[in-house]
Amino acid sequence: MFTRLAIEQEPPKGARGVPLRGHPYWTKSPEELRFIMKDAKDAADANRDGDPKVEGKYLDQMNDAATILYYRKNHGGYAPAGYGSSR
């Protein structure tokens, strides 16, 4: 499990660009991101015959959560300082 400190560490020198700069999902735990992915998938599936924009919104949420989980897995579990919302 990632601690808040591990999530907010600076990237190592030479790290490539970090996706989704400023996205509030950077402040979420892996468990919260997996829940978002599951919930958004269920919502997108339930809206298949509805408005394509709404379905796309849920698919975007799934993709954003997956992108952050993938980045953490491959870059030591950190998010650069200043990422996420300051709510």
PDB file of N, CA and C in Angstrom:
ATOM      1  N   MET A   1       0.847  -1.177   0.000  1.00  0.00           N
ATOM      2  CA  MET A   1       0.000   0.000   0.000  1.00  0.00           C
ATOM      3  C   MET A   1       0.891   1.238   0.000  1.00  0.00           C
ATOM      4  N   PHE A   2       0.485   2.240  -0.746  1.00  0.00           N
ATOM      5  CA  PHE A   2       1.256   3.472  -0.803  1.00  0.00           C
ATOM      6  C   PHE A   2       0.894   4.377   0.350  1.00  0.00           C
ATOM      7  N   THR A   3       1.886   4.990   0.918  1.00  0.00           N
ATOM      8  CA  THR A   3       1.625   5.997   1.935  1.00  0.00           C
ATOM      9  C   THR A   3       1.510   7.337   1.248  1.00  0.00           C
ATOM     10  N   ARG A   4       0.982   8.322   1.950  1.00  0.00           N
ATOM     11  CA  ARG A   4       0.862   9.655   1.363  1.00  0.00           C
ATOM     12  C   ARG A   4       2.233  10.177   0.965  1.00  0.00           C
ATOM     13  N   LEU A   5       3.248   9.909   1.766  1.00  0.00           N
ATOM     14  CA  LEU A   5       4.601  10.356   1.459  1.00  0.00           C
ATOM     15  C   LEU A   5       5.081   9.721   0.147  1.00  0.00           C
ATOM     16  N   ALA A   6       4.825   8.423  -0.014  1.00  0.00           N
ATOM     17  CA  ALA A   6       5.266   7.739  -1.233  1.00  0.00           C
ATOM     18  C   ALA A   6       4.540   8.286  -2.451  1.00  0.00           C
ATOM     19  N   ILE A   7       3.311   8.707  -2.290  1.00  0.00           N
ATOM     20  CA  ILE A   7       2.545   9.224  -3.410  1.00  0.00           C
ATOM     21  C   ILE A   7       3.048  10.610  -3.815  1.00  0.00           C
ATOM     22  N   GLU A   8       3.583  11.379  -2.881  1.00  0.00           N
ATOM     23  CA  GLU A   8       3.959  12.762  -3.160  1.00  0.00           C
ATOM     24  C   GLU A   8       5.450  12.979  -3.394  1.00  0.00           C
ATOM     25  N   GLN A   9       6.243  11.946  -3.535  1.00  0.00           N
ATOM     26  CA  GLN A   9       7.670  12.117  -3.773  1.00  0.00           C
ATOM     27  C   GLN A   9       7.944  12.694  -5.152  1.00  0.00           C
ATOM     28  N   GLU A  10       9.072  13.354  -5.275  1.00  0.00           N
ATOM     29  CA  GLU A  10       9.510  13.875  -6.574  1.00  0.00           C
ATOM     30  C   GLU A  10       9.989  12.722  -7.451  1.00  0.00           C
ATOM     31  N   PRO A  11       9.818  12.836  -8.765  1.00  0.00           N
ATOM     32  CA  PRO A  11      10.311  11.784  -9.653  1.00  0.00           C
ATOM     33  C   PRO A  11      11.829  11.824  -9.729  1.00  0.00           C
ATOM     34  N   PRO A  12      12.453  10.705 -10.034  1.00  0.00           N
ATOM     35  CA  PRO A  12      13.904  10.702 -10.174  1.00  0.00           C
ATOM     36  C   PRO A  12      14.328  11.510 -11.393  1.00  0.00           C
ATOM     37  N   LYS A  13      15.589  11.952 -11.382  1.00  0.00           N
ATOM     38  CA  LYS A  13      16.094  12.689 -12.535  1.00  0.00           C
ATOM     39  C   LYS A  13      16.022  11.805 -13.768  1.00  0.00           C
ATOM     40  N   GLY A  14      15.685  12.404 -14.873  1.00  0.00           N
ATOM     41  CA  GLY A  14      15.589  11.660 -16.120  1.00  0.00           C
ATOM     42  C   GLY A  14      14.240  11.007 -16.343  1.00  0.00           C
ATOM     43  N   ALA A  15      13.312  11.166 -15.391  1.00  0.00           N
ATOM     44  CA  ALA A  15      11.990  10.560 -15.566  1.00  0.00           C
ATOM     45  C   ALA A  15      11.261  11.250 -16.713  1.00  0.00           C
ATOM     46  N   ARG A  16      10.554  10.479 -17.465  1.00  0.00           N
ATOM     47  CA  ARG A  16       9.791  11.045 -18.586  1.00  0.00           C
ATOM     48  C   ARG A  16       8.630  11.848 -18.029  1.00  0.00           C
ATOM     49  N   GLY A  17       7.941  12.530 -18.909  1.00  0.00           N
ATOM     50  CA  GLY A  17       6.796  13.338 -18.502  1.00  0.00           C
ATOM     51  C   GLY A  17       5.773  12.518 -17.738  1.00  0.00           C
ATOM     52  N   VAL A  18       5.122  13.170 -16.817  1.00  0.00           N
ATOM     53  CA  VAL A  18       4.137  12.505 -15.981  1.00  0.00           C
ATOM     54  C   VAL A  18       2.751  12.815 -16.535  1.00  0.00           C
ATOM     55  N   PRO A  19       1.914  11.794 -16.723  1.00  0.00           N
ATOM     56  CA  PRO A  19       0.596  12.020 -17.297  1.00  0.00           C
ATOM     57  C   PRO A  19      -0.374  12.671 -16.315  1.00  0.00           C
ATOM     58  N   LEU A  20      -1.366  13.318 -16.846  1.00  0.00           N
ATOM     59  CA  LEU A  20      -2.483  13.871 -16.072  1.00  0.00           C
ATOM     60  C   LEU A  20      -2.038  14.851 -14.988  1.00  0.00           C
ATOM     61  N   ARG A  21      -1.189  15.765 -15.352  1.00  0.00           N
ATOM     62  CA  ARG A  21      -0.680  16.774 -14.415  1.00  0.00           C
ATOM     63  C   ARG A  21      -1.852  17.516 -13.766  1.00  0.00           C
ATOM     64  N   GLY A  22      -1.843  17.568 -12.434  1.00  0.00           N
ATOM     65  CA  GLY A  22      -2.861  18.289 -11.683  1.00  0.00           C
ATOM     66  C   GLY A  22      -4.173  17.547 -11.478  1.00  0.00           C
ATOM     67  N   HIS A  23      -4.247  16.295 -11.913  1.00  0.00           N
ATOM     68  CA  HIS A  23      -5.493  15.527 -11.794  1.00  0.00           C
ATOM     69  C   HIS A  23      -5.709  15.115 -10.341  1.00  0.00           C
ATOM     70  N   PRO A  24      -6.930  15.243  -9.822  1.00  0.00           N
ATOM     71  CA  PRO A  24      -7.192  14.867  -8.428  1.00  0.00           C
ATOM     72  C   PRO A  24      -6.992  13.376  -8.132  1.00  0.00           C
ATOM     73  N   TYR A  25      -6.958  12.530  -9.165  1.00  0.00           N
ATOM     74  CA  TYR A  25      -6.746  11.104  -8.920  1.00  0.00           C
ATOM     75  C   TYR A  25      -5.363  10.818  -8.335  1.00  0.00           C
ATOM     76  N   TRP A  26      -4.412  11.747  -8.463  1.00  0.00           N
ATOM     77  CA  TRP A  26      -3.084  11.530  -7.878  1.00  0.00           C
ATOM     78  C   TRP A  26      -3.156  11.419  -6.358  1.00  0.00           C
ATOM     79  N   THR A  27      -4.191  11.972  -5.749  1.00  0.00           N
ATOM     80  CA  THR A  27      -4.310  11.928  -4.289  1.00  0.00           C
ATOM     81  C   THR A  27      -5.035  10.673  -3.813  1.00  0.00           C
ATOM     82  N   LYS A  28      -5.502   9.855  -4.739  1.00  0.00           N
ATOM     83  CA  LYS A  28      -6.254   8.643  -4.390  1.00  0.00           C
ATOM     84  C   LYS A  28      -5.320   7.463  -4.145  1.00  0.00           C
ATOM     85  N   SER A  29      -5.758   6.576  -3.254  1.00  0.00           N
ATOM     86  CA  SER A  29      -5.014   5.340  -2.995  1.00  0.00           C
ATOM     87  C   SER A  29      -5.285   4.364  -4.141  1.00  0.00           C
ATOM     88  N   PRO A  30      -4.435   3.333  -4.272  1.00  0.00           N
ATOM     89  CA  PRO A  30      -4.701   2.325  -5.314  1.00  0.00           C
ATOM     90  C   PRO A  30      -6.077   1.674  -5.173  1.00  0.00           C
ATOM     91  N   GLU A  31      -6.510   1.460  -3.940  1.00  0.00           N
ATOM     92  CA  GLU A  31      -7.824   0.852  -3.719  1.00  0.00           C
ATOM     93  C   GLU A  31      -8.933   1.779  -4.217  1.00  0.00           C
ATOM     94  N   GLU A  32      -8.788   3.076  -3.960  1.00  0.00           N
ATOM     95  CA  GLU A  32      -9.783   4.029  -4.432  1.00  0.00           C
ATOM     96  C   GLU A  32      -9.802   4.086  -5.958  1.00  0.00           C
ATOM     97  N   LEU A  33      -8.635   4.039  -6.580  1.00  0.00           N
ATOM     98  CA  LEU A  33      -8.568   4.068  -8.041  1.00  0.00           C
ATOM     99  C   LEU A  33      -9.201   2.823  -8.648  1.00  0.00           C
ATOM    100  N   ARG A  34      -8.983   1.671  -8.035  1.00  0.00           N
ATOM    101  CA  ARG A  34      -9.601   0.432  -8.547  1.00  0.00           C
ATOM    102  C   ARG A  34     -11.122   0.489  -8.402  1.00  0.00           C
ATOM    103  N   PHE A  35     -11.583   1.080  -7.289  1.00  0.00           N
ATOM    104  CA  PHE A  35     -13.031   1.235  -7.107  1.00  0.00           C
ATOM    105  C   PHE A  35     -13.602   2.167  -8.172  1.00  0.00           C
ATOM    106  N   ILE A  36     -12.912   3.274  -8.449  1.00  0.00           N
ATOM    107  CA  ILE A  36     -13.357   4.214  -9.483  1.00  0.00           C
ATOM    108  C   ILE A  36     -13.460   3.493 -10.822  1.00  0.00           C
ATOM    109  N   MET A  37     -12.460   2.676 -11.143  1.00  0.00           N
ATOM    110  CA  MET A  37     -12.477   1.942 -12.404  1.00  0.00           C
ATOM    111  C   MET A  37     -13.678   1.005 -12.491  1.00  0.00           C
ATOM    112  N   LYS A  38     -13.935   0.263 -11.418  1.00  0.00           N
ATOM    113  CA  LYS A  38     -15.051  -0.684 -11.412  1.00  0.00           C
ATOM    114  C   LYS A  38     -16.382   0.062 -11.498  1.00  0.00           C
ATOM    115  N   ASP A  39     -16.537   1.111 -10.705  1.00  0.00           N
ATOM    116  CA  ASP A  39     -17.778   1.867 -10.689  1.00  0.00           C
ATOM    117  C   ASP A  39     -18.040   2.537 -12.036  1.00  0.00           C
ATOM    118  N   ALA A  40     -17.001   3.114 -12.648  1.00  0.00           N
ATOM    119  CA  ALA A  40     -17.154   3.766 -13.945  1.00  0.00           C
ATOM    120  C   ALA A  40     -17.488   2.747 -15.036  1.00  0.00           C
ATOM    121  N   LYS A  41     -16.905   1.550 -14.947  1.00  0.00           N
ATOM    122  CA  LYS A  41     -17.226   0.507 -15.931  1.00  0.00           C
ATOM    123  C   LYS A  41     -18.691   0.117 -15.821  1.00  0.00           C
ATOM    124  N   ASP A  42     -19.167  -0.071 -14.589  1.00  0.00           N
ATOM    125  CA  ASP A  42     -20.572  -0.421 -14.384  1.00  0.00           C
ATOM    126  C   ASP A  42     -21.500   0.667 -14.927  1.00  0.00           C
ATOM    127  N   ALA A  43     -21.134   1.935 -14.681  1.00  0.00           N
ATOM    128  CA  ALA A  43     -21.953   3.048 -15.160  1.00  0.00           C
ATOM    129  C   ALA A  43     -21.935   3.123 -16.692  1.00  0.00           C
ATOM    130  N   ALA A  44     -20.775   2.915 -17.300  1.00  0.00           N
ATOM    131  CA  ALA A  44     -20.681   2.945 -18.765  1.00  0.00           C
ATOM    132  C   ALA A  44     -21.492   1.802 -19.373  1.00  0.00           C
ATOM    133  N   ASP A  45     -21.400   0.625 -18.771  1.00  0.00           N
ATOM    134  CA  ASP A  45     -22.169  -0.519 -19.266  1.00  0.00           C
ATOM    135  C   ASP A  45     -23.668  -0.268 -19.157  1.00  0.00           C
ATOM    136  N   ALA A  46     -24.095   0.375 -18.073  1.00  0.00           N
ATOM    137  CA  ALA A  46     -25.511   0.652 -17.877  1.00  0.00           C
ATOM    138  C   ALA A  46     -26.018   1.714 -18.849  1.00  0.00           C
ATOM    139  N   ASN A  47     -25.115   2.501 -19.404  1.00  0.00           N
ATOM    140  CA  ASN A  47     -25.500   3.599 -20.288  1.00  0.00           C
ATOM    141  C   ASN A  47     -25.186   3.315 -21.758  1.00  0.00           C
ATOM    142  N   ARG A  48     -24.968   2.084 -22.115  1.00  0.00           N
ATOM    143  CA  ARG A  48     -24.602   1.736 -23.498  1.00  0.00           C
ATOM    144  C   ARG A  48     -25.588   2.268 -24.525  1.00  0.00           C
ATOM    145  N   ASP A  49     -26.870   2.206 -24.222  1.00  0.00           N
ATOM    146  CA  ASP A  49     -27.891   2.626 -25.181  1.00  0.00           C
ATOM    147  C   ASP A  49     -28.274   4.087 -25.006  1.00  0.00           C
ATOM    148  N   GLY A  50     -27.625   4.769 -24.090  1.00  0.00           N
ATOM    149  CA  GLY A  50     -27.949   6.170 -23.827  1.00  0.00           C
ATOM    150  C   GLY A  50     -27.050   7.120 -24.596  1.00  0.00           C
ATOM    151  N   ASP A  51     -26.806   8.256 -23.994  1.00  0.00           N
ATOM    152  CA  ASP A  51     -26.003   9.315 -24.601  1.00  0.00           C
ATOM    153  C   ASP A  51     -24.539   8.884 -24.695  1.00  0.00           C
ATOM    154  N   PRO A  52     -23.944   8.881 -25.888  1.00  0.00           N
ATOM    155  CA  PRO A  52     -22.544   8.471 -26.036  1.00  0.00           C
ATOM    156  C   PRO A  52     -21.573   9.358 -25.259  1.00  0.00           C
ATOM    157  N   LYS A  53     -21.909  10.642 -25.061  1.00  0.00           N
ATOM    158  CA  LYS A  53     -21.037  11.534 -24.293  1.00  0.00           C
ATOM    159  C   LYS A  53     -20.958  11.102 -22.835  1.00  0.00           C
ATOM    160  N   VAL A  54     -22.074  10.654 -22.307  1.00  0.00           N
ATOM    161  CA  VAL A  54     -22.092  10.206 -20.912  1.00  0.00           C
ATOM    162  C   VAL A  54     -21.279   8.923 -20.769  1.00  0.00           C
ATOM    163  N   GLU A  55     -21.482   7.999 -21.695  1.00  0.00           N
ATOM    164  CA  GLU A  55     -20.696   6.761 -21.666  1.00  0.00           C
ATOM    165  C   GLU A  55     -19.208   7.084 -21.794  1.00  0.00           C
ATOM    166  N   GLY A  56     -18.861   8.016 -22.672  1.00  0.00           N
ATOM    167  CA  GLY A  56     -17.471   8.415 -22.845  1.00  0.00           C
ATOM    168  C   GLY A  56     -16.867   9.019 -21.593  1.00  0.00           C
ATOM    169  N   LYS A  57     -17.668   9.753 -20.843  1.00  0.00           N
ATOM    170  CA  LYS A  57     -17.189  10.345 -19.588  1.00  0.00           C
ATOM    171  C   LYS A  57     -16.749   9.245 -18.615  1.00  0.00           C
ATOM    172  N   TYR A  58     -17.562   8.207 -18.519  1.00  0.00           N
ATOM    173  CA  TYR A  58     -17.223   7.111 -17.609  1.00  0.00           C
ATOM    174  C   TYR A  58     -16.003   6.333 -18.104  1.00  0.00           C
ATOM    175  N   LEU A  59     -15.913   6.144 -19.408  1.00  0.00           N
ATOM    176  CA  LEU A  59     -14.746   5.452 -19.955  1.00  0.00           C
ATOM    177  C   LEU A  59     -13.476   6.276 -19.741  1.00  0.00           C
ATOM    178  N   ASP A  60     -13.579   7.603 -19.810  1.00  0.00           N
ATOM    179  CA  ASP A  60     -12.443   8.476 -19.511  1.00  0.00           C
ATOM    180  C   ASP A  60     -12.001   8.329 -18.058  1.00  0.00           C
ATOM    181  N   GLN A  61     -12.964   8.225 -17.142  1.00  0.00           N
ATOM    182  CA  GLN A  61     -12.625   8.032 -15.729  1.00  0.00           C
ATOM    183  C   GLN A  61     -11.869   6.725 -15.526  1.00  0.00           C
ATOM    184  N   MET A  62     -12.326   5.669 -16.202  1.00  0.00           N
ATOM    185  CA  MET A  62     -11.627   4.384 -16.116  1.00  0.00           C
ATOM    186  C   MET A  62     -10.200   4.528 -16.618  1.00  0.00           C
ATOM    187  N   ASN A  63     -10.033   5.175 -17.753  1.00  0.00           N
ATOM    188  CA  ASN A  63      -8.723   5.339 -18.353  1.00  0.00           C
ATOM    189  C   ASN A  63      -7.794   6.187 -17.471  1.00  0.00           C
ATOM    190  N   ASP A  64      -8.309   7.265 -16.901  1.00  0.00           N
ATOM    191  CA  ASP A  64      -7.485   8.118 -16.046  1.00  0.00           C
ATOM    192  C   ASP A  64      -6.984   7.351 -14.817  1.00  0.00           C
ATOM    193  N   ALA A  65      -7.871   6.597 -14.183  1.00  0.00           N
ATOM    194  CA  ALA A  65      -7.470   5.816 -13.012  1.00  0.00           C
ATOM    195  C   ALA A  65      -6.434   4.755 -13.396  1.00  0.00           C
ATOM    196  N   ALA A  66      -6.651   4.088 -14.528  1.00  0.00           N
ATOM    197  CA  ALA A  66      -5.704   3.065 -14.994  1.00  0.00           C
ATOM    198  C   ALA A  66      -4.354   3.679 -15.337  1.00  0.00           C
ATOM    199  N   THR A  67      -4.354   4.867 -15.909  1.00  0.00           N
ATOM    200  CA  THR A  67      -3.105   5.545 -16.269  1.00  0.00           C
ATOM    201  C   THR A  67      -2.272   5.829 -15.023  1.00  0.00           C
ATOM    202  N   ILE A  68      -2.907   6.305 -13.973  1.00  0.00           N
ATOM    203  CA  ILE A  68      -2.175   6.622 -12.739  1.00  0.00           C
ATOM    204  C   ILE A  68      -1.675   5.350 -12.066  1.00  0.00           C
ATOM    205  N   LEU A  69      -2.503   4.308 -12.032  1.00  0.00           N
ATOM    206  CA  LEU A  69      -2.036   3.035 -11.458  1.00  0.00           C
ATOM    207  C   LEU A  69      -0.846   2.488 -12.240  1.00  0.00           C
ATOM    208  N   TYR A  70      -0.904   2.545 -13.562  1.00  0.00           N
ATOM    209  CA  TYR A  70       0.192   2.063 -14.400  1.00  0.00           C
ATOM    210  C   TYR A  70       1.459   2.879 -14.149  1.00  0.00           C
ATOM    211  N   TYR A  71       1.316   4.183 -14.064  1.00  0.00           N
ATOM    212  CA  TYR A  71       2.477   5.045 -13.835  1.00  0.00           C
ATOM    213  C   TYR A  71       3.121   4.735 -12.480  1.00  0.00           C
ATOM    214  N   ARG A  72       2.298   4.580 -11.451  1.00  0.00           N
ATOM    215  CA  ARG A  72       2.839   4.267 -10.123  1.00  0.00           C
ATOM    216  C   ARG A  72       3.561   2.921 -10.124  1.00  0.00           C
ATOM    217  N   LYS A  73       2.974   1.936 -10.788  1.00  0.00           N
ATOM    218  CA  LYS A  73       3.575   0.604 -10.833  1.00  0.00           C
ATOM    219  C   LYS A  73       4.947   0.639 -11.496  1.00  0.00           C
ATOM    220  N   ASN A  74       5.086   1.423 -12.541  1.00  0.00           N
ATOM    221  CA  ASN A  74       6.319   1.441 -13.309  1.00  0.00           C
ATOM    222  C   ASN A  74       7.316   2.513 -12.900  1.00  0.00           C
ATOM    223  N   HIS A  75       6.935   3.374 -11.965  1.00  0.00           N
ATOM    224  CA  HIS A  75       7.821   4.450 -11.540  1.00  0.00           C
ATOM    225  C   HIS A  75       7.918   4.547 -10.020  1.00  0.00           C
ATOM    226  N   GLY A  76       7.813   3.457  -9.330  1.00  0.00           N
ATOM    227  CA  GLY A  76       8.064   3.429  -7.896  1.00  0.00           C
ATOM    228  C   GLY A  76       6.945   3.931  -7.010  1.00  0.00           C
ATOM    229  N   GLY A  77       5.762   4.128  -7.544  1.00  0.00           N
ATOM    230  CA  GLY A  77       4.632   4.464  -6.711  1.00  0.00           C
ATOM    231  C   GLY A  77       4.520   5.907  -6.285  1.00  0.00           C
ATOM    232  N   TYR A  78       5.246   6.805  -6.876  1.00  0.00           N
ATOM    233  CA  TYR A  78       5.192   8.196  -6.463  1.00  0.00           C
ATOM    234  C   TYR A  78       4.366   9.014  -7.441  1.00  0.00           C
ATOM    235  N   ALA A  79       3.988  10.157  -6.975  1.00  0.00           N
ATOM    236  CA  ALA A  79       3.448  11.204  -7.844  1.00  0.00           C
ATOM    237  C   ALA A  79       4.234  12.449  -7.524  1.00  0.00           C
ATOM    238  N   PRO A  80       4.633  13.174  -8.518  1.00  0.00           N
ATOM    239  CA  PRO A  80       5.423  14.377  -8.250  1.00  0.00           C
ATOM    240  C   PRO A  80       4.699  15.355  -7.332  1.00  0.00           C
ATOM    241  N   ALA A  81       5.441  16.085  -6.525  1.00  0.00           N
ATOM    242  CA  ALA A  81       4.866  17.080  -5.633  1.00  0.00           C
ATOM    243  C   ALA A  81       4.070  18.080  -6.447  1.00  0.00           C
ATOM    244  N   GLY A  82       2.960  18.495  -5.895  1.00  0.00           N
ATOM    245  CA  GLY A  82       2.118  19.451  -6.596  1.00  0.00           C
ATOM    246  C   GLY A  82       1.067  18.823  -7.478  1.00  0.00           C
ATOM    247  N   TYR A  83       1.048  17.506  -7.575  1.00  0.00           N
ATOM    248  CA  TYR A  83       0.055  16.829  -8.380  1.00  0.00           C
ATOM    249  C   TYR A  83      -1.203  16.635  -7.554  1.00  0.00           C
ATOM    250  N   GLY A  84      -2.312  16.576  -8.209  1.00  0.00           N
ATOM    251  CA  GLY A  84      -3.571  16.401  -7.526  1.00  0.00           C
ATOM    252  C   GLY A  84      -4.137  17.740  -7.109  1.00  0.00           C
ATOM    253  N   SER A  85      -5.383  17.704  -6.655  1.00  0.00           N
ATOM    254  CA  SER A  85      -6.028  18.948  -6.263  1.00  0.00           C
ATOM    255  C   SER A  85      -5.617  19.328  -4.857  1.00  0.00           C
ATOM    256  N   SER A  86      -5.756  20.578  -4.550  1.00  0.00           N
ATOM    257  CA  SER A  86      -5.402  21.068  -3.211  1.00  0.00           C
ATOM    258  C   SER A  86      -6.656  21.337  -2.409  1.00  0.00           C
ATOM    259  N   ARG A  87      -7.647  20.491  -2.548  1.00  0.00           N
ATOM    260  CA  ARG A  87      -8.916  20.663  -1.824  1.00  0.00           C
ATOM    261  C   ARG A  87      -8.748  20.334  -0.381  1.00  0.00           C
TER     262      ARG A  87
END
